[in-house]
Amino acid sequence: MPDSQEWIEDPRVVELLEDQMDKKDVLIFRELNKDGRISDTELADRVGLSRTAARRRRKMLQEDGILEVFALLVFRAANYPYAEVHISYDNHATNDEITAFIERLLDEGLVYEVAECIGEYDLLIRVWQSSLSSINSYVRELLQDSDMVDTYTIVPITDSYKMFHRTFYRPGEDADDAS
């Protein structure tokens, strides 16, 4: 698999991270991004801190909402189709209706991202299901009867080369051989 850590060494990335974190916190983030399951003792060794200091900093980053350690389901590798859905609101939708609509989407287990947009669409959601026809049915059921939605477009994803700063494989490689 290609090295997925090169992005964090990019000077532009480091500069942005250091706007919110000091150098030790950036090192902690980098190490946890490589392996979120490492012990505080190993983390401390890798970043040059005591175990207590490393744990305190990691917890502070997590409590401040800057850092979250999570598992990532790689839909393609697990043979689950997924899609983006571009949504345009009805022109008469109120802010309260938009907020309630987004809250409803946040509670949907098959919706794994909800993001507001500027431009042609107002909202982007990403969904997954067992098949493309199931995605179509699910999205239709989710959106078609909503007074909030003027139009929506389902865009099935055929390949994801990179997600959450993880490069899965490069164009031209066989995805099954890269993992």
N, C-alpha and C. Protein backbone atom coordinates (compact mmCIF):
# COMPACT_ATOMS: atom_id res chain seq x y z
N MET A 1 0.85 -1.18 0.00
CA MET A 1 0.00 0.00 0.00
C MET A 1 0.89 1.24 0.00
N PRO A 2 0.53 2.29 -0.73
CA PRO A 2 1.32 3.50 -0.75
C PRO A 2 1.41 4.12 0.64
N ASP A 3 2.50 4.88 0.88
CA ASP A 3 2.67 5.56 2.15
C ASP A 3 1.59 6.63 2.29
N SER A 4 0.77 6.50 3.31
CA SER A 4 -0.33 7.45 3.49
C SER A 4 0.02 8.55 4.47
N GLN A 5 1.28 8.63 4.91
CA GLN A 5 1.68 9.62 5.89
C GLN A 5 2.35 10.84 5.27
N GLU A 6 2.64 10.82 3.98
CA GLU A 6 3.35 11.93 3.36
C GLU A 6 2.60 13.25 3.52
N TRP A 7 1.29 13.23 3.53
CA TRP A 7 0.51 14.45 3.62
C TRP A 7 0.82 15.23 4.88
N ILE A 8 1.07 14.54 5.98
CA ILE A 8 1.26 15.23 7.26
C ILE A 8 2.63 15.90 7.34
N GLU A 9 3.54 15.56 6.43
CA GLU A 9 4.85 16.19 6.38
C GLU A 9 4.85 17.42 5.46
N ASP A 10 3.79 17.61 4.69
CA ASP A 10 3.68 18.74 3.78
C ASP A 10 3.75 20.03 4.61
N PRO A 11 4.67 20.94 4.30
CA PRO A 11 4.81 22.17 5.08
C PRO A 11 3.52 22.99 5.21
N ARG A 12 2.67 22.94 4.17
CA ARG A 12 1.40 23.67 4.24
C ARG A 12 0.48 23.05 5.29
N VAL A 13 0.50 21.73 5.39
CA VAL A 13 -0.31 21.02 6.39
C VAL A 13 0.23 21.32 7.78
N VAL A 14 1.55 21.21 7.94
CA VAL A 14 2.16 21.47 9.25
C VAL A 14 1.83 22.89 9.71
N GLU A 15 1.91 23.85 8.80
CA GLU A 15 1.60 25.24 9.15
C GLU A 15 0.15 25.38 9.63
N LEU A 16 -0.77 24.74 8.93
CA LEU A 16 -2.18 24.80 9.35
C LEU A 16 -2.38 24.13 10.70
N LEU A 17 -1.76 22.97 10.90
CA LEU A 17 -1.89 22.27 12.17
C LEU A 17 -1.31 23.08 13.32
N GLU A 18 -0.17 23.73 13.06
CA GLU A 18 0.47 24.51 14.12
C GLU A 18 -0.27 25.80 14.43
N ASP A 19 -1.26 26.16 13.62
CA ASP A 19 -2.15 27.28 13.97
C ASP A 19 -3.00 26.91 15.18
N GLN A 20 -3.30 25.61 15.36
CA GLN A 20 -4.18 25.14 16.43
C GLN A 20 -3.45 24.34 17.50
N MET A 21 -2.26 23.84 17.18
CA MET A 21 -1.54 22.95 18.10
C MET A 21 -0.07 23.34 18.14
N ASP A 22 0.59 23.06 19.26
CA ASP A 22 2.04 23.27 19.29
C ASP A 22 2.74 22.07 18.64
N LYS A 23 4.07 22.15 18.53
CA LYS A 23 4.83 21.13 17.80
C LYS A 23 4.66 19.74 18.41
N LYS A 24 4.62 19.63 19.73
CA LYS A 24 4.45 18.32 20.37
C LYS A 24 3.07 17.75 20.07
N ASP A 25 2.05 18.60 20.08
CA ASP A 25 0.71 18.12 19.76
C ASP A 25 0.61 17.65 18.31
N VAL A 26 1.31 18.35 17.41
CA VAL A 26 1.34 17.92 16.01
C VAL A 26 2.01 16.55 15.91
N LEU A 27 3.09 16.34 16.66
CA LEU A 27 3.75 15.03 16.67
C LEU A 27 2.81 13.95 17.20
N ILE A 28 2.08 14.27 18.26
CA ILE A 28 1.11 13.31 18.82
C ILE A 28 0.06 12.97 17.78
N PHE A 29 -0.48 13.98 17.10
CA PHE A 29 -1.46 13.75 16.05
C PHE A 29 -0.88 12.85 14.96
N ARG A 30 0.35 13.16 14.53
CA ARG A 30 0.98 12.38 13.46
C ARG A 30 1.12 10.90 13.86
N GLU A 31 1.57 10.66 15.07
CA GLU A 31 1.75 9.27 15.52
C GLU A 31 0.42 8.54 15.67
N LEU A 32 -0.59 9.22 16.19
CA LEU A 32 -1.91 8.58 16.33
C LEU A 32 -2.56 8.37 14.97
N ASN A 33 -2.24 9.23 14.00
CA ASN A 33 -2.75 9.04 12.65
C ASN A 33 -2.15 7.79 12.02
N LYS A 34 -0.89 7.49 12.35
CA LYS A 34 -0.25 6.27 11.85
C LYS A 34 -0.88 5.03 12.49
N ASP A 35 -1.11 5.11 13.81
CA ASP A 35 -1.63 3.96 14.55
C ASP A 35 -2.39 4.47 15.77
N GLY A 36 -3.69 4.55 15.65
CA GLY A 36 -4.53 5.08 16.73
C GLY A 36 -4.62 4.17 17.93
N ARG A 37 -4.07 2.95 17.84
CA ARG A 37 -4.18 2.00 18.94
C ARG A 37 -2.90 1.90 19.77
N ILE A 38 -1.90 2.75 19.50
CA ILE A 38 -0.66 2.64 20.28
C ILE A 38 -0.92 3.05 21.73
N SER A 39 -0.12 2.50 22.61
CA SER A 39 -0.24 2.81 24.04
C SER A 39 0.33 4.20 24.31
N ASP A 40 -0.05 4.77 25.43
CA ASP A 40 0.50 6.06 25.83
C ASP A 40 2.01 5.96 26.04
N THR A 41 2.49 4.82 26.49
CA THR A 41 3.93 4.62 26.69
C THR A 41 4.66 4.70 25.35
N GLU A 42 4.16 3.98 24.35
CA GLU A 42 4.80 4.03 23.03
C GLU A 42 4.66 5.41 22.41
N LEU A 43 3.50 6.04 22.55
CA LEU A 43 3.30 7.40 22.05
C LEU A 43 4.33 8.33 22.67
N ALA A 44 4.53 8.24 23.97
CA ALA A 44 5.49 9.08 24.67
C ALA A 44 6.90 8.88 24.11
N ASP A 45 7.28 7.63 23.89
CA ASP A 45 8.61 7.33 23.34
C ASP A 45 8.78 7.96 21.96
N ARG A 46 7.75 7.88 21.14
CA ARG A 46 7.84 8.38 19.76
C ARG A 46 7.92 9.91 19.69
N VAL A 47 7.30 10.61 20.66
CA VAL A 47 7.26 12.08 20.58
C VAL A 47 8.18 12.76 21.59
N GLY A 48 8.90 11.97 22.39
CA GLY A 48 9.87 12.55 23.31
C GLY A 48 9.27 13.20 24.55
N LEU A 49 8.21 12.59 25.09
CA LEU A 49 7.58 13.08 26.31
C LEU A 49 7.50 11.95 27.32
N SER A 50 7.19 12.30 28.58
CA SER A 50 6.89 11.26 29.56
C SER A 50 5.53 10.66 29.22
N ARG A 51 5.27 9.46 29.72
CA ARG A 51 3.98 8.81 29.47
C ARG A 51 2.84 9.68 30.01
N THR A 52 3.00 10.26 31.17
CA THR A 52 1.97 11.12 31.77
C THR A 52 1.71 12.35 30.91
N ALA A 53 2.77 12.99 30.43
CA ALA A 53 2.60 14.18 29.59
C ALA A 53 1.94 13.83 28.26
N ALA A 54 2.35 12.71 27.67
CA ALA A 54 1.74 12.29 26.39
C ALA A 54 0.26 12.00 26.57
N ARG A 55 -0.10 11.28 27.64
CA ARG A 55 -1.51 10.96 27.91
C ARG A 55 -2.30 12.25 28.15
N ARG A 56 -1.75 13.17 28.95
CA ARG A 56 -2.44 14.42 29.25
C ARG A 56 -2.69 15.21 27.97
N ARG A 57 -1.69 15.32 27.12
CA ARG A 57 -1.85 16.07 25.86
C ARG A 57 -2.86 15.39 24.93
N ARG A 58 -2.78 14.06 24.81
CA ARG A 58 -3.73 13.33 23.96
C ARG A 58 -5.15 13.54 24.45
N LYS A 59 -5.36 13.40 25.75
CA LYS A 59 -6.70 13.59 26.31
C LYS A 59 -7.20 15.01 26.09
N MET A 60 -6.31 15.99 26.27
CA MET A 60 -6.70 17.39 26.07
C MET A 60 -7.12 17.62 24.61
N LEU A 61 -6.36 17.07 23.66
CA LEU A 61 -6.72 17.21 22.25
C LEU A 61 -8.08 16.56 21.97
N GLN A 62 -8.33 15.41 22.59
CA GLN A 62 -9.61 14.73 22.40
C GLN A 62 -10.74 15.51 23.06
N GLU A 63 -10.54 15.99 24.28
CA GLU A 63 -11.58 16.75 24.99
C GLU A 63 -11.90 18.06 24.30
N ASP A 64 -10.89 18.68 23.68
CA ASP A 64 -11.10 19.93 22.94
C ASP A 64 -11.73 19.69 21.58
N GLY A 65 -11.92 18.42 21.19
CA GLY A 65 -12.55 18.10 19.92
C GLY A 65 -11.62 18.25 18.72
N ILE A 66 -10.32 18.43 18.95
CA ILE A 66 -9.36 18.59 17.86
C ILE A 66 -8.96 17.23 17.31
N LEU A 67 -8.94 16.23 18.16
CA LEU A 67 -8.47 14.90 17.78
C LEU A 67 -9.52 13.86 18.15
N GLU A 68 -9.80 12.99 17.20
CA GLU A 68 -10.69 11.87 17.48
C GLU A 68 -10.09 10.62 16.84
N VAL A 69 -9.94 9.59 17.63
CA VAL A 69 -9.42 8.33 17.14
C VAL A 69 -10.63 7.47 16.78
N PHE A 70 -10.70 7.00 15.52
CA PHE A 70 -11.86 6.21 15.10
C PHE A 70 -11.45 5.18 14.07
N ALA A 71 -12.31 4.21 13.89
CA ALA A 71 -12.10 3.20 12.87
C ALA A 71 -12.77 3.68 11.58
N LEU A 72 -12.21 3.32 10.46
CA LEU A 72 -12.73 3.73 9.17
C LEU A 72 -13.13 2.48 8.39
N LEU A 73 -14.41 2.39 8.05
CA LEU A 73 -14.89 1.31 7.20
C LEU A 73 -14.58 1.69 5.76
N VAL A 74 -13.78 0.90 5.10
CA VAL A 74 -13.43 1.16 3.70
C VAL A 74 -14.47 0.44 2.86
N PHE A 75 -15.46 1.21 2.39
CA PHE A 75 -16.61 0.64 1.72
C PHE A 75 -16.23 -0.21 0.51
N ARG A 76 -15.32 0.27 -0.31
CA ARG A 76 -14.97 -0.48 -1.51
C ARG A 76 -14.36 -1.83 -1.15
N ALA A 77 -13.45 -1.83 -0.18
CA ALA A 77 -12.80 -3.08 0.23
C ALA A 77 -13.82 -4.05 0.84
N ALA A 78 -14.85 -3.51 1.48
CA ALA A 78 -15.89 -4.35 2.09
C ALA A 78 -17.02 -4.66 1.11
N ASN A 79 -16.88 -4.21 -0.14
CA ASN A 79 -17.88 -4.44 -1.19
C ASN A 79 -19.24 -3.80 -0.91
N TYR A 80 -19.21 -2.63 -0.29
CA TYR A 80 -20.44 -1.85 -0.09
C TYR A 80 -20.43 -0.67 -1.05
N PRO A 81 -21.45 -0.52 -1.87
CA PRO A 81 -21.52 0.67 -2.72
C PRO A 81 -21.88 1.89 -1.88
N TYR A 82 -21.43 3.04 -2.34
CA TYR A 82 -21.71 4.28 -1.63
C TYR A 82 -21.86 5.40 -2.65
N ALA A 83 -22.45 6.49 -2.21
CA ALA A 83 -22.75 7.57 -3.14
C ALA A 83 -22.80 8.91 -2.42
N GLU A 84 -22.54 9.95 -3.19
CA GLU A 84 -22.81 11.31 -2.74
C GLU A 84 -24.22 11.66 -3.20
N VAL A 85 -24.90 12.45 -2.41
CA VAL A 85 -26.20 12.97 -2.80
C VAL A 85 -26.12 14.49 -2.67
N HIS A 86 -26.30 15.17 -3.79
CA HIS A 86 -26.27 16.63 -3.82
C HIS A 86 -27.70 17.13 -3.70
N ILE A 87 -27.95 17.97 -2.71
CA ILE A 87 -29.32 18.39 -2.40
C ILE A 87 -29.44 19.90 -2.53
N SER A 88 -30.52 20.34 -3.19
CA SER A 88 -30.88 21.76 -3.23
C SER A 88 -32.16 21.94 -2.43
N TYR A 89 -32.16 22.92 -1.54
CA TYR A 89 -33.33 23.19 -0.72
C TYR A 89 -34.41 23.90 -1.53
N ASP A 90 -35.63 23.74 -1.09
CA ASP A 90 -36.73 24.53 -1.61
C ASP A 90 -36.49 25.99 -1.21
N ASN A 91 -36.78 26.92 -2.10
CA ASN A 91 -36.54 28.35 -1.83
C ASN A 91 -37.32 28.89 -0.64
N HIS A 92 -38.39 28.23 -0.26
CA HIS A 92 -39.23 28.71 0.84
C HIS A 92 -38.88 28.08 2.18
N ALA A 93 -37.85 27.26 2.20
CA ALA A 93 -37.47 26.60 3.45
C ALA A 93 -36.95 27.62 4.46
N THR A 94 -37.41 27.49 5.69
CA THR A 94 -36.94 28.38 6.75
C THR A 94 -35.69 27.80 7.42
N ASN A 95 -34.99 28.64 8.16
CA ASN A 95 -33.80 28.16 8.89
C ASN A 95 -34.16 27.06 9.87
N ASP A 96 -35.31 27.18 10.54
CA ASP A 96 -35.73 26.14 11.49
C ASP A 96 -35.99 24.82 10.77
N GLU A 97 -36.61 24.88 9.60
CA GLU A 97 -36.86 23.66 8.82
C GLU A 97 -35.55 23.03 8.34
N ILE A 98 -34.62 23.86 7.92
CA ILE A 98 -33.32 23.35 7.48
C ILE A 98 -32.59 22.68 8.64
N THR A 99 -32.61 23.31 9.81
CA THR A 99 -31.96 22.74 10.98
C THR A 99 -32.60 21.40 11.35
N ALA A 100 -33.92 21.32 11.35
CA ALA A 100 -34.61 20.07 11.68
C ALA A 100 -34.29 18.99 10.64
N PHE A 101 -34.21 19.35 9.38
CA PHE A 101 -33.88 18.41 8.31
C PHE A 101 -32.47 17.85 8.52
N ILE A 102 -31.52 18.72 8.80
CA ILE A 102 -30.14 18.27 9.03
C ILE A 102 -30.08 17.39 10.27
N GLU A 103 -30.79 17.75 11.32
CA GLU A 103 -30.82 16.92 12.54
C GLU A 103 -31.34 15.51 12.22
N ARG A 104 -32.34 15.42 11.39
CA ARG A 104 -32.89 14.12 11.00
C ARG A 104 -31.84 13.30 10.25
N LEU A 105 -31.11 13.96 9.34
CA LEU A 105 -30.07 13.26 8.59
C LEU A 105 -28.94 12.79 9.49
N LEU A 106 -28.61 13.56 10.51
CA LEU A 106 -27.54 13.19 11.44
C LEU A 106 -27.86 11.90 12.19
N ASP A 107 -29.15 11.62 12.36
CA ASP A 107 -29.58 10.41 13.06
C ASP A 107 -29.68 9.18 12.16
N GLU A 108 -29.46 9.34 10.87
CA GLU A 108 -29.56 8.23 9.92
C GLU A 108 -28.26 7.42 9.91
N GLY A 109 -28.34 6.14 10.23
CA GLY A 109 -27.16 5.29 10.28
C GLY A 109 -26.49 5.05 8.94
N LEU A 110 -27.23 5.11 7.86
CA LEU A 110 -26.66 4.86 6.54
C LEU A 110 -26.14 6.15 5.88
N VAL A 111 -26.30 7.27 6.57
CA VAL A 111 -25.72 8.54 6.13
C VAL A 111 -24.44 8.73 6.93
N TYR A 112 -23.29 8.72 6.25
CA TYR A 112 -22.04 8.82 6.98
C TYR A 112 -21.37 10.19 6.88
N GLU A 113 -21.94 11.10 6.10
CA GLU A 113 -21.45 12.47 6.09
C GLU A 113 -22.60 13.40 5.72
N VAL A 114 -22.64 14.54 6.39
CA VAL A 114 -23.59 15.60 6.10
C VAL A 114 -22.78 16.89 6.09
N ALA A 115 -22.78 17.61 4.96
CA ALA A 115 -21.96 18.82 4.84
C ALA A 115 -22.74 19.90 4.09
N GLU A 116 -22.75 21.10 4.65
CA GLU A 116 -23.36 22.23 3.95
C GLU A 116 -22.41 22.72 2.86
N CYS A 117 -22.99 23.23 1.77
CA CYS A 117 -22.21 23.65 0.61
C CYS A 117 -22.54 25.09 0.24
N ILE A 118 -21.66 25.67 -0.52
CA ILE A 118 -21.89 26.98 -1.13
C ILE A 118 -21.83 26.76 -2.64
N GLY A 119 -22.82 27.25 -3.35
CA GLY A 119 -22.79 27.09 -4.80
C GLY A 119 -24.06 26.46 -5.32
N GLU A 120 -23.90 25.56 -6.24
CA GLU A 120 -25.05 24.95 -6.93
C GLU A 120 -25.94 24.15 -5.99
N TYR A 121 -25.33 23.51 -4.98
CA TYR A 121 -26.09 22.68 -4.04
C TYR A 121 -26.00 23.27 -2.65
N ASP A 122 -26.99 22.97 -1.83
CA ASP A 122 -27.01 23.48 -0.46
C ASP A 122 -26.43 22.49 0.54
N LEU A 123 -26.57 21.20 0.22
CA LEU A 123 -26.16 20.17 1.16
C LEU A 123 -25.61 18.98 0.39
N LEU A 124 -24.61 18.34 0.97
CA LEU A 124 -24.07 17.11 0.42
C LEU A 124 -24.18 16.07 1.52
N ILE A 125 -24.73 14.91 1.17
CA ILE A 125 -24.70 13.80 2.10
C ILE A 125 -24.04 12.62 1.39
N ARG A 126 -23.44 11.76 2.18
CA ARG A 126 -22.85 10.54 1.64
C ARG A 126 -23.53 9.38 2.33
N VAL A 127 -23.94 8.40 1.52
CA VAL A 127 -24.70 7.26 2.02
C VAL A 127 -24.07 5.96 1.53
N TRP A 128 -24.38 4.88 2.20
CA TRP A 128 -23.93 3.55 1.78
C TRP A 128 -25.07 2.57 1.99
N GLN A 129 -24.98 1.47 1.27
CA GLN A 129 -26.04 0.46 1.33
C GLN A 129 -25.48 -0.84 0.77
N SER A 130 -26.33 -1.84 0.60
CA SER A 130 -25.89 -3.15 0.11
C SER A 130 -25.79 -3.22 -1.41
N SER A 131 -26.46 -2.30 -2.12
CA SER A 131 -26.42 -2.30 -3.58
C SER A 131 -26.78 -0.90 -4.07
N LEU A 132 -26.47 -0.63 -5.34
CA LEU A 132 -26.84 0.67 -5.90
C LEU A 132 -28.35 0.86 -5.94
N SER A 133 -29.08 -0.19 -6.24
CA SER A 133 -30.54 -0.05 -6.26
C SER A 133 -31.05 0.22 -4.84
N SER A 134 -30.40 -0.35 -3.84
CA SER A 134 -30.79 -0.06 -2.45
C SER A 134 -30.47 1.38 -2.08
N ILE A 135 -29.35 1.90 -2.59
CA ILE A 135 -29.04 3.32 -2.36
C ILE A 135 -30.13 4.18 -2.97
N ASN A 136 -30.52 3.87 -4.20
CA ASN A 136 -31.56 4.63 -4.89
C ASN A 136 -32.86 4.62 -4.08
N SER A 137 -33.28 3.45 -3.65
CA SER A 137 -34.52 3.34 -2.87
C SER A 137 -34.42 4.08 -1.54
N TYR A 138 -33.28 3.91 -0.88
CA TYR A 138 -33.08 4.56 0.42
C TYR A 138 -33.13 6.08 0.29
N VAL A 139 -32.43 6.64 -0.69
CA VAL A 139 -32.40 8.09 -0.87
C VAL A 139 -33.77 8.60 -1.27
N ARG A 140 -34.45 7.87 -2.14
CA ARG A 140 -35.80 8.28 -2.54
C ARG A 140 -36.71 8.34 -1.31
N GLU A 141 -36.67 7.30 -0.50
CA GLU A 141 -37.49 7.27 0.72
C GLU A 141 -37.10 8.39 1.68
N LEU A 142 -35.82 8.67 1.78
CA LEU A 142 -35.31 9.67 2.69
C LEU A 142 -35.68 11.09 2.27
N LEU A 143 -35.68 11.37 0.96
CA LEU A 143 -35.78 12.75 0.49
C LEU A 143 -37.04 13.11 -0.30
N GLN A 144 -37.62 12.15 -1.00
CA GLN A 144 -38.65 12.50 -1.97
C GLN A 144 -39.87 13.18 -1.36
N ASP A 145 -40.28 12.78 -0.20
CA ASP A 145 -41.48 13.37 0.39
C ASP A 145 -41.17 14.57 1.28
N SER A 146 -39.93 15.02 1.29
CA SER A 146 -39.55 16.15 2.12
C SER A 146 -39.90 17.46 1.43
N ASP A 147 -40.60 18.32 2.15
CA ASP A 147 -40.90 19.65 1.62
C ASP A 147 -39.65 20.51 1.53
N MET A 148 -38.60 20.09 2.21
CA MET A 148 -37.34 20.83 2.25
C MET A 148 -36.58 20.75 0.93
N VAL A 149 -36.71 19.62 0.26
CA VAL A 149 -35.85 19.32 -0.89
C VAL A 149 -36.53 19.76 -2.19
N ASP A 150 -35.83 20.61 -2.92
CA ASP A 150 -36.29 21.00 -4.25
C ASP A 150 -35.83 19.95 -5.26
N THR A 151 -34.52 19.70 -5.29
CA THR A 151 -33.96 18.69 -6.18
C THR A 151 -32.83 17.95 -5.47
N TYR A 152 -32.55 16.75 -5.96
CA TYR A 152 -31.37 16.02 -5.48
C TYR A 152 -30.82 15.19 -6.62
N THR A 153 -29.53 14.93 -6.53
CA THR A 153 -28.83 14.12 -7.52
C THR A 153 -27.99 13.09 -6.78
N ILE A 154 -28.14 11.83 -7.15
CA ILE A 154 -27.33 10.76 -6.57
C ILE A 154 -26.13 10.53 -7.49
N VAL A 155 -24.94 10.56 -6.90
CA VAL A 155 -23.71 10.34 -7.65
C VAL A 155 -23.01 9.11 -7.06
N PRO A 156 -23.19 7.94 -7.68
CA PRO A 156 -22.51 6.74 -7.18
C PRO A 156 -20.99 6.89 -7.29
N ILE A 157 -20.29 6.44 -6.28
CA ILE A 157 -18.83 6.49 -6.28
C ILE A 157 -18.32 5.13 -6.78
N THR A 158 -17.47 5.16 -7.78
CA THR A 158 -16.94 3.91 -8.33
C THR A 158 -15.58 3.55 -7.75
N ASP A 159 -14.81 4.52 -7.30
CA ASP A 159 -13.50 4.27 -6.70
C ASP A 159 -13.15 5.41 -5.77
N SER A 160 -12.51 5.09 -4.67
CA SER A 160 -11.96 6.09 -3.76
C SER A 160 -10.48 5.80 -3.61
N TYR A 161 -9.68 6.68 -4.14
CA TYR A 161 -8.24 6.50 -4.05
C TYR A 161 -7.70 6.98 -2.71
N LYS A 162 -8.36 8.00 -2.15
CA LYS A 162 -7.89 8.60 -0.92
C LYS A 162 -9.09 9.08 -0.12
N MET A 163 -9.04 8.81 1.19
CA MET A 163 -10.11 9.26 2.08
C MET A 163 -9.50 9.48 3.45
N PHE A 164 -9.85 10.60 4.08
CA PHE A 164 -9.32 10.93 5.41
C PHE A 164 -7.80 10.81 5.44
N HIS A 165 -7.16 11.31 4.41
CA HIS A 165 -5.71 11.33 4.28
C HIS A 165 -5.09 9.95 4.16
N ARG A 166 -5.88 8.95 3.86
CA ARG A 166 -5.36 7.60 3.64
C ARG A 166 -5.45 7.31 2.14
N THR A 167 -4.31 7.04 1.53
CA THR A 167 -4.29 6.63 0.13
C THR A 167 -4.46 5.12 0.09
N PHE A 168 -5.49 4.66 -0.59
CA PHE A 168 -5.77 3.24 -0.66
C PHE A 168 -5.01 2.57 -1.79
N TYR A 169 -4.96 3.23 -2.93
CA TYR A 169 -4.18 2.74 -4.06
C TYR A 169 -4.13 3.86 -5.09
N ARG A 170 -3.30 3.69 -6.07
CA ARG A 170 -3.09 4.71 -7.10
C ARG A 170 -3.80 4.30 -8.39
N PRO A 171 -4.18 5.29 -9.21
CA PRO A 171 -4.80 4.95 -10.50
C PRO A 171 -3.89 3.99 -11.28
N GLY A 172 -4.49 2.98 -11.87
CA GLY A 172 -3.76 1.99 -12.64
C GLY A 172 -3.38 0.76 -11.84
N GLU A 173 -3.38 0.88 -10.48
CA GLU A 173 -3.14 -0.29 -9.65
C GLU A 173 -4.42 -1.08 -9.49
N ASP A 174 -4.29 -2.35 -9.28
CA ASP A 174 -5.44 -3.18 -8.95
C ASP A 174 -5.74 -2.95 -7.47
N ALA A 175 -6.91 -2.47 -7.17
CA ALA A 175 -7.28 -2.15 -5.79
C ALA A 175 -7.15 -3.36 -4.89
N ASP A 176 -7.44 -4.54 -5.40
CA ASP A 176 -7.36 -5.75 -4.57
C ASP A 176 -5.91 -6.10 -4.23
N ASP A 177 -4.96 -5.76 -5.09
CA ASP A 177 -3.56 -6.05 -4.84
C ASP A 177 -2.92 -5.01 -3.93
N ALA A 178 -3.49 -3.81 -3.84
CA ALA A 178 -2.89 -2.72 -3.07
C ALA A 178 -3.13 -2.86 -1.59
N SER A 179 -4.15 -3.59 -1.18
CA SER A 179 -4.48 -3.66 0.25
C SER A 179 -3.67 -4.67 0.99
